[in-house]
C-alpha atoms as a PDB file:
ATOM      1  CA  MET A   1       0.220  -0.006   0.141  1.00  0.00           C
ATOM      2  CA  ARG A   2       1.002   3.413  -0.784  1.00  0.00           C
ATOM      3  CA  ASN A   3       0.748   6.261   0.655  1.00  0.00           C
ATOM      4  CA  ARG A   4       0.453  10.072  -1.119  1.00  0.00           C
ATOM      5  CA  THR A   5       4.302  11.015  -1.686  1.00  0.00           C
ATOM      6  CA  GLY A   6       4.421   7.099  -3.282  1.00  0.00           C
ATOM      7  CA  ASN A   7       6.225   5.415   0.037  1.00  0.00           C
ATOM      8  CA  VAL A   8       5.385   1.826   0.516  1.00  0.00           C
ATOM      9  CA  ILE A   9       2.915   1.492   4.039  1.00  0.00           C
ATOM     10  CA  HIS A  10       3.001  -2.091   5.513  1.00  0.00           C
ATOM     11  CA  ASN A  11      -0.022  -3.381   6.579  1.00  0.00           C
ATOM     12  CA  TYR A  12       0.679  -6.408   8.763  1.00  0.00           C
ATOM     13  CA  PRO A  13      -1.511  -6.329  11.447  1.00  0.00           C
ATOM     14  CA  GLU A  14      -4.586  -6.722   8.977  1.00  0.00           C
ATOM     15  CA  GLU A  15      -2.988  -9.062   6.840  1.00  0.00           C
ATOM     16  CA  VAL A  16      -2.178 -11.556   9.627  1.00  0.00           C
ATOM     17  CA  SER A  17      -5.685 -11.371  10.947  1.00  0.00           C
ATOM     18  CA  LYS A  18      -6.884 -12.324   7.622  1.00  0.00           C
ATOM     19  CA  THR A  19      -4.146 -15.553   7.769  1.00  0.00           C
ATOM     20  CA  VAL A  20      -5.500 -16.330  11.284  1.00  0.00           C
ATOM     21  CA  LEU A  21      -9.288 -15.798  10.032  1.00  0.00           C
ATOM     22  CA  VAL A  22      -8.427 -18.118   7.433  1.00  0.00           C
ATOM     23  CA  LYS A  23      -6.793 -21.174   9.569  1.00  0.00           C
ATOM     24  CA  MET A  24      -9.717 -20.901  12.183  1.00  0.00           C
ATOM     25  CA  ARG A  25     -12.131 -21.297   9.526  1.00  0.00           C
ATOM     26  CA  ARG A  26     -10.411 -24.247   8.608  1.00  0.00           C
ATOM     27  CA  LEU A  27      -9.453 -25.704  11.989  1.00  0.00           C
ATOM     28  CA  ASP A  28     -13.902 -25.418  12.791  1.00  0.00           C
ATOM     29  CA  SER A  29     -14.728 -27.220   9.094  1.00  0.00           C
ATOM     30  CA  ASN A  30     -12.526 -29.740  10.411  1.00  0.00           C
ATOM     31  CA  ASP A  31     -14.119 -30.072  13.625  1.00  0.00           C
ATOM     32  CA  ASP A  32     -17.283 -30.312  12.225  1.00  0.00           C
ATOM     33  CA  VAL A  33     -16.509 -33.504   9.757  1.00  0.00           C
ATOM     34  CA  SER A  34     -14.901 -35.283  12.315  1.00  0.00           C
ATOM     35  CA  LEU A  35     -18.030 -34.902  14.858  1.00  0.00           C
ATOM     36  CA  PHE A  36     -20.268 -35.317  12.196  1.00  0.00           C
ATOM     37  CA  ASP A  37     -17.904 -38.790  11.739  1.00  0.00           C
ATOM     38  CA  ALA A  38     -18.437 -39.444  15.340  1.00  0.00           C
ATOM     39  CA  GLU A  39     -22.087 -39.157  15.559  1.00  0.00           C
ATOM     40  CA  GLU A  40     -22.246 -41.610  12.906  1.00  0.00           C
ATOM     41  CA  ASP A  41     -19.966 -44.007  14.349  1.00  0.00           C
ATOM     42  CA  THR A  42     -22.498 -43.361  17.677  1.00  0.00           C
ATOM     43  CA  GLY A  43     -25.709 -44.088  15.582  1.00  0.00           C
ATOM     44  CA  ARG A  44     -24.330 -46.994  14.035  1.00  0.00           C
ATOM     45  CA  LYS A  45     -23.068 -48.566  17.487  1.00  0.00           C
ATOM     46  CA  ALA A  46     -26.276 -48.036  19.250  1.00  0.00           C
ATOM     47  CA  LYS A  47     -27.920 -49.705  16.411  1.00  0.00           C
ATOM     48  CA  SER A  48     -25.314 -53.144  16.373  1.00  0.00           C
ATOM     49  CA  LYS A  49     -25.510 -52.468  20.660  1.00  0.00           C
ATOM     50  CA  ILE A  50     -28.444 -55.237  21.834  1.00  0.00           C
ATOM     51  CA  LYS A  51     -30.266 -52.717  24.264  1.00  0.00           C
ATOM     52  CA  HIS A  52     -32.808 -56.016  25.608  1.00  0.00           C
ATOM     53  CA  PRO A  53     -30.406 -58.880  26.308  1.00  0.00           C
ATOM     54  CA  VAL A  54     -33.076 -60.343  29.144  1.00  0.00           C
ATOM     55  CA  ALA A  55     -35.460 -59.864  26.245  1.00  0.00           C
ATOM     56  CA  SER A  56     -33.688 -61.664  23.616  1.00  0.00           C
ATOM     57  CA  PHE A  57     -32.501 -64.095  25.429  1.00  0.00           C
ATOM     58  CA  PHE A  58     -36.342 -65.154  26.773  1.00  0.00           C
ATOM     59  CA  HIS A  59     -37.238 -65.034  22.878  1.00  0.00           C
ATOM     60  CA  LEU A  60     -34.958 -67.786  21.835  1.00  0.00           C
ATOM     61  CA  PHE A  61     -34.687 -69.634  25.140  1.00  0.00           C
ATOM     62  CA  PHE A  62     -38.126 -71.211  25.806  1.00  0.00           C
ATOM     63  CA  ARG A  63     -38.836 -72.087  21.966  1.00  0.00           C
ATOM     64  CA  VAL A  64     -35.293 -73.296  21.492  1.00  0.00           C
ATOM     65  CA  SER A  65     -35.678 -75.743  24.442  1.00  0.00           C
ATOM     66  CA  ALA A  66     -38.909 -77.177  23.566  1.00  0.00           C
ATOM     67  CA  ILE A  67     -37.367 -78.176  20.868  1.00  0.00           C
ATOM     68  CA  LEU A  68     -34.245 -79.786  22.315  1.00  0.00           C
ATOM     69  CA  VAL A  69     -36.719 -81.627  24.426  1.00  0.00           C
ATOM     70  CA  TYR A  70     -38.500 -82.814  21.774  1.00  0.00           C
ATOM     71  CA  LEU A  71     -35.193 -84.234  20.006  1.00  0.00           C
ATOM     72  CA  LEU A  72     -33.901 -85.137  23.498  1.00  0.00           C
ATOM     73  CA  CYS A  73     -37.263 -86.987  25.243  1.00  0.00           C
ATOM     74  CA  GLU A  74     -36.232 -90.807  24.191  1.00  0.00           C
ATOM     75  CA  LEU A  75     -33.271 -90.572  25.876  1.00  0.00           C
ATOM     76  CA  LEU A  76     -34.066 -87.833  28.924  1.00  0.00           C
ATOM     77  CA  SER A  77     -36.814 -90.481  30.114  1.00  0.00           C
ATOM     78  CA  SER A  78     -38.833 -93.061  29.305  1.00  0.00           C
ATOM     79  CA  SER A  79     -42.245 -92.292  30.086  1.00  0.00           C
ATOM     80  CA  PHE A  80     -44.401 -90.083  27.791  1.00  0.00           C
ATOM     81  CA  ILE A  81     -46.049 -88.024  29.863  1.00  0.00           C
ATOM     82  CA  ALA A  82     -43.210 -86.059  31.488  1.00  0.00           C
ATOM     83  CA  PRO A  83     -41.759 -84.522  28.177  1.00  0.00           C
ATOM     84  CA  MET A  84     -45.225 -83.737  26.392  1.00  0.00           C
ATOM     85  CA  VAL A  85     -46.027 -81.497  30.007  1.00  0.00           C
ATOM     86  CA  ALA A  86     -42.596 -80.054  29.716  1.00  0.00           C
ATOM     87  CA  ILE A  87     -42.568 -79.141  25.775  1.00  0.00           C
ATOM     88  CA  ILE A  88     -46.751 -77.979  26.274  1.00  0.00           C
ATOM     89  CA  LEU A  89     -45.350 -75.308  28.950  1.00  0.00           C
ATOM     90  CA  LEU A  90     -42.465 -74.323  26.916  1.00  0.00           C
ATOM     91  CA  LEU A  91     -44.493 -73.492  23.809  1.00  0.00           C
ATOM     92  CA  CYS A  92     -46.534 -71.747  26.164  1.00  0.00           C
ATOM     93  CA  CYS A  93     -44.612 -69.550  28.332  1.00  0.00           C
ATOM     94  CA  ASP A  94     -43.105 -69.435  24.371  1.00  0.00           C
ATOM     95  CA  PHE A  95     -46.334 -67.665  23.204  1.00  0.00           C
ATOM     96  CA  TRP A  96     -46.831 -65.702  26.260  1.00  0.00           C
ATOM     97  CA  THR A  97     -43.405 -63.792  26.109  1.00  0.00           C
ATOM     98  CA  VAL A  98     -42.604 -63.656  22.462  1.00  0.00           C
ATOM     99  CA  LYS A  99     -46.293 -61.839  21.969  1.00  0.00           C
ATOM    100  CA  ASN A 100     -46.447 -59.257  24.693  1.00  0.00           C
ATOM    101  CA  ILE A 101     -42.764 -58.837  25.444  1.00  0.00           C
ATOM    102  CA  SER A 102     -39.869 -59.824  22.761  1.00  0.00           C
ATOM    103  CA  GLY A 103     -41.719 -57.838  20.047  1.00  0.00           C
ATOM    104  CA  ARG A 104     -42.796 -55.054  22.264  1.00  0.00           C
ATOM    105  CA  LEU A 105     -39.381 -54.175  23.291  1.00  0.00           C
ATOM    106  CA  MET A 106     -36.943 -55.455  20.545  1.00  0.00           C
ATOM    107  CA  VAL A 107     -38.572 -54.343  16.992  1.00  0.00           C
ATOM    108  CA  GLY A 108     -41.795 -52.026  18.292  1.00  0.00           C
ATOM    109  CA  LEU A 109     -44.046 -54.891  16.822  1.00  0.00           C
ATOM    110  CA  ARG A 110     -47.039 -56.365  18.829  1.00  0.00           C
ATOM    111  CA  TRP A 111     -51.034 -57.523  18.576  1.00  0.00           C
ATOM    112  CA  TRP A 112     -53.577 -58.593  19.870  1.00  0.00           C
ATOM    113  CA  ASN A 113     -57.118 -58.874  20.303  1.00  0.00           C
ATOM    114  CA  GLN A 114     -60.158 -56.907  21.353  1.00  0.00           C
ATOM    115  CA  VAL A 115     -64.166 -57.083  22.042  1.00  0.00           C
ATOM    116  CA  ASP A 116     -65.700 -53.397  21.800  1.00  0.00           C
ATOM    117  CA  ASP A 117     -69.567 -52.899  22.852  1.00  0.00           C
ATOM    118  CA  ASP A 118     -71.501 -54.590  20.520  1.00  0.00           C
ATOM    119  CA  GLY A 119     -69.277 -57.669  21.387  1.00  0.00           C
ATOM    120  CA  LYS A 120     -67.399 -58.436  18.111  1.00  0.00           C
ATOM    121  CA  SER A 121     -63.901 -59.647  18.366  1.00  0.00           C
ATOM    122  CA  HIS A 122     -61.382 -57.388  16.522  1.00  0.00           C
ATOM    123  CA  TRP A 123     -58.083 -58.472  16.053  1.00  0.00           C
ATOM    124  CA  VAL A 124     -55.579 -55.141  16.695  1.00  0.00           C
ATOM    125  CA  PHE A 125     -51.749 -55.447  14.689  1.00  0.00           C
ATOM    126  CA  GLU A 126     -49.686 -52.317  15.802  1.00  0.00           C
ATOM    127  CA  SER A 127     -46.583 -51.039  15.086  1.00  0.00           C
ATOM    128  CA  ARG A 128     -44.235 -48.421  16.661  1.00  0.00           C
ATOM    129  CA  LYS A 129     -43.985 -45.164  14.559  1.00  0.00           C
ATOM    130  CA  GLY A 130     -41.389 -42.076  14.868  1.00  0.00           C
ATOM    131  CA  SER A 131     -37.960 -41.783  15.546  1.00  0.00           C
ATOM    132  CA  GLY A 132     -38.125 -41.398  19.114  1.00  0.00           C
ATOM    133  CA  LYS A 133     -36.563 -45.049  19.894  1.00  0.00           C
ATOM    134  CA  GLN A 134     -34.573 -46.448  17.081  1.00  0.00           C
ATOM    135  CA  ALA A 135     -34.829 -50.704  16.959  1.00  0.00           C
ATOM    136  CA  SER A 136     -31.663 -52.453  17.346  1.00  0.00           C
ATOM    137  CA  ASP A 137     -30.502 -54.256  13.865  1.00  0.00           C
ATOM    138  CA  SER A 138     -29.434 -57.156  16.196  1.00  0.00           C
ATOM    139  CA  GLU A 139     -31.941 -57.459  17.760  1.00  0.00           C
ATOM    140  CA  ALA A 140     -34.418 -57.076  14.804  1.00  0.00           C
ATOM    141  CA  ARG A 141     -31.929 -59.931  12.818  1.00  0.00           C
ATOM    142  CA  ILE A 142     -32.598 -62.351  16.448  1.00  0.00           C
ATOM    143  CA  PHE A 143     -36.262 -61.745  16.246  1.00  0.00           C
ATOM    144  CA  TRP A 144     -37.285 -62.707  13.236  1.00  0.00           C
ATOM    145  CA  LEU A 145     -34.522 -65.376  12.819  1.00  0.00           C
ATOM    146  CA  GLY A 146     -35.684 -66.712  15.780  1.00  0.00           C
ATOM    147  CA  LEU A 147     -39.615 -66.303  14.960  1.00  0.00           C
ATOM    148  CA  ILE A 148     -39.459 -67.904  11.121  1.00  0.00           C
ATOM    149  CA  ILE A 149     -36.823 -70.600  11.276  1.00  0.00           C
ATOM    150  CA  CYS A 150     -38.385 -72.249  14.268  1.00  0.00           C
ATOM    151  CA  PRO A 151     -42.400 -72.549  13.601  1.00  0.00           C
ATOM    152  CA  ILE A 152     -40.371 -74.086  10.328  1.00  0.00           C
ATOM    153  CA  VAL A 153     -38.959 -76.715  12.495  1.00  0.00           C
ATOM    154  CA  TRP A 154     -42.035 -77.551  14.040  1.00  0.00           C
ATOM    155  CA  VAL A 155     -43.414 -78.130  10.822  1.00  0.00           C
ATOM    156  CA  ILE A 156     -40.904 -80.823   9.845  1.00  0.00           C
ATOM    157  CA  PHE A 157     -41.327 -82.595  13.166  1.00  0.00           C
ATOM    158  CA  ALA A 158     -45.576 -82.536  12.007  1.00  0.00           C
ATOM    159  CA  PHE A 159     -44.424 -84.492   8.993  1.00  0.00           C
ATOM    160  CA  SER A 160     -41.806 -86.548  10.153  1.00  0.00           C
ATOM    161  CA  SER A 161     -43.839 -88.142  13.166  1.00  0.00           C
ATOM    162  CA  LEU A 162     -46.556 -88.746  10.824  1.00  0.00           C
ATOM    163  CA  PHE A 163     -44.667 -90.432   8.094  1.00  0.00           C
ATOM    164  CA  SER A 164     -43.088 -92.470  10.862  1.00  0.00           C
ATOM    165  CA  PHE A 165     -46.245 -92.997  12.978  1.00  0.00           C
ATOM    166  CA  LYS A 166     -45.861 -91.265  16.000  1.00  0.00           C
ATOM    167  CA  ILE A 167     -48.973 -90.063  16.401  1.00  0.00           C
ATOM    168  CA  LYS A 168     -49.107 -89.901  20.402  1.00  0.00           C
ATOM    169  CA  TRP A 169     -46.573 -86.679  19.323  1.00  0.00           C
ATOM    170  CA  LEU A 170     -48.443 -85.397  16.254  1.00  0.00           C
ATOM    171  CA  ALA A 171     -51.365 -83.636  18.972  1.00  0.00           C
ATOM    172  CA  VAL A 172     -47.654 -81.801  20.560  1.00  0.00           C
ATOM    173  CA  VAL A 173     -46.239 -81.251  17.406  1.00  0.00           C
ATOM    174  CA  ILE A 174     -49.523 -79.519  15.709  1.00  0.00           C
ATOM    175  CA  MET A 175     -49.283 -77.475  19.210  1.00  0.00           C
ATOM    176  CA  GLY A 176     -46.026 -76.647  18.618  1.00  0.00           C
ATOM    177  CA  VAL A 177     -47.223 -75.198  15.236  1.00  0.00           C
ATOM    178  CA  VAL A 178     -50.419 -73.189  15.965  1.00  0.00           C
ATOM    179  CA  LEU A 179     -48.352 -71.417  18.872  1.00  0.00           C
ATOM    180  CA  GLN A 180     -45.852 -70.551  16.566  1.00  0.00           C
ATOM    181  CA  GLY A 181     -47.367 -70.300  13.843  1.00  0.00           C
ATOM    182  CA  ALA A 182     -49.931 -67.601  15.307  1.00  0.00           C
ATOM    183  CA  ASN A 183     -47.287 -65.212  16.513  1.00  0.00           C
ATOM    184  CA  MET A 184     -45.460 -65.168  13.136  1.00  0.00           C
ATOM    185  CA  TYR A 185     -48.221 -64.507  11.765  1.00  0.00           C
ATOM    186  CA  GLY A 186     -49.140 -61.560  14.123  1.00  0.00           C
ATOM    187  CA  TYR A 187     -45.851 -60.029  13.765  1.00  0.00           C
ATOM    188  CA  VAL A 188     -45.651 -60.229   9.900  1.00  0.00           C
ATOM    189  CA  ARG A 189     -48.884 -58.733   9.460  1.00  0.00           C
ATOM    190  CA  CYS A 190     -48.010 -55.797  11.985  1.00  0.00           C
ATOM    191  CA  LYS A 191     -44.778 -55.404  10.024  1.00  0.00           C
ATOM    192  CA  VAL A 192     -46.654 -55.463   6.476  1.00  0.00           C
ATOM    193  CA  GLY A 193     -49.690 -54.512   7.341  1.00  0.00           C
ATOM    194  CA  THR A 194     -52.846 -55.779   6.184  1.00  0.00           C
ATOM    195  CA  ARG A 195     -54.025 -58.942   4.583  1.00  0.00           C
ATOM    196  CA  THR A 196     -53.639 -57.107   0.660  1.00  0.00           C
ATOM    197  CA  ASN A 197     -50.279 -55.342   1.015  1.00  0.00           C
ATOM    198  CA  LEU A 198     -49.136 -59.745   2.162  1.00  0.00           C
ATOM    199  CA  LYS A 199     -50.323 -60.388  -0.806  1.00  0.00           C
ATOM    200  CA  ASN A 200     -49.067 -58.102  -2.965  1.00  0.00           C
ATOM    201  CA  MET A 201     -46.013 -58.568  -1.443  1.00  0.00           C
ATOM    202  CA  ALA A 202     -46.099 -63.292  -2.113  1.00  0.00           C
ATOM    203  CA  THR A 203     -47.102 -62.135  -5.311  1.00  0.00           C
ATOM    204  CA  SER A 204     -44.675 -59.739  -6.632  1.00  0.00           C
ATOM    205  CA  TYR A 205     -41.965 -61.881  -4.785  1.00  0.00           C
ATOM    206  CA  PHE A 206     -43.070 -64.773  -7.043  1.00  0.00           C
ATOM    207  CA  GLY A 207     -43.549 -63.108 -10.151  1.00  0.00           C
ATOM    208  CA  ARG A 208     -39.668 -61.828 -10.275  1.00  0.00           C
ATOM    209  CA  GLN A 209     -38.162 -65.412  -8.977  1.00  0.00           C
ATOM    210  CA  PHE A 210     -40.350 -66.751 -11.807  1.00  0.00           C
ATOM    211  CA  LEU A 211     -38.751 -63.625 -14.073  1.00  0.00           C
ATOM    212  CA  LYS A 212     -35.829 -64.515 -12.896  1.00  0.00           C
ATOM    213  CA  GLN A 213     -36.387 -68.282 -13.593  1.00  0.00           C
ATOM    214  CA  ALA A 214     -37.028 -67.291 -17.340  1.00  0.00           C
ATOM    215  CA  MET A 215     -34.582 -64.895 -18.092  1.00  0.00           C
ATOM    216  CA  SER A 216     -32.223 -67.640 -16.646  1.00  0.00           C
ATOM    217  CA  ASN A 217     -33.241 -70.122 -19.357  1.00  0.00           C
ATOM    218  CA  GLN A 218     -33.363 -67.612 -21.883  1.00  0.00           C
ATOM    219  CA  ASP A 219     -29.208 -67.365 -21.470  1.00  0.00           C
ATOM    220  CA  GLU A 220     -28.362 -71.633 -20.886  1.00  0.00           C
ATOM    221  CA  SER A 221     -30.853 -71.574 -24.500  1.00  0.00           C
END
């Protein structure tokens, strides 16, 4: 900068202040990025963390125990009454726990039956809405795997007892299919919605599978 006489005047304080401001802005921007990444990391850890370990444990404990008692009943006891009573008690405890506790805590879903003032029975299927409480991915995975796999196992037991002529176990196996299948159907309705949405979902899934099969057959030919 020059004055009227032509001499150069150095304005060092202004240049230093500008340099300091630029550096401070860079530091602020870097801090914002690191804080944002930290929030993402904490959110990812919170989603992967099991928030309700007791509910997750009993969600699998009763149904897995019923399956194990059925498989090992001949080794554990020579009588039929004791294993049958144990399996029925485990299935009933599992039905109550999954319907009233683990579904509500682990995935935010619940279903029940209510009777209105006119005496008509209605089935209610609810799902938690809003971002106030995020469901844990680990808990949701545990819930849905246990909910779907165990009824399939009881269906396999039903066919095996029927074909092996173990008629005395057929009633116990059908009870397992009914109780665990009812919970599975109820929570699938809570997750998907109405029956129309469930049918549309199944139709679209089988349509995609049929289209993939047709395309693979064309590629092979």
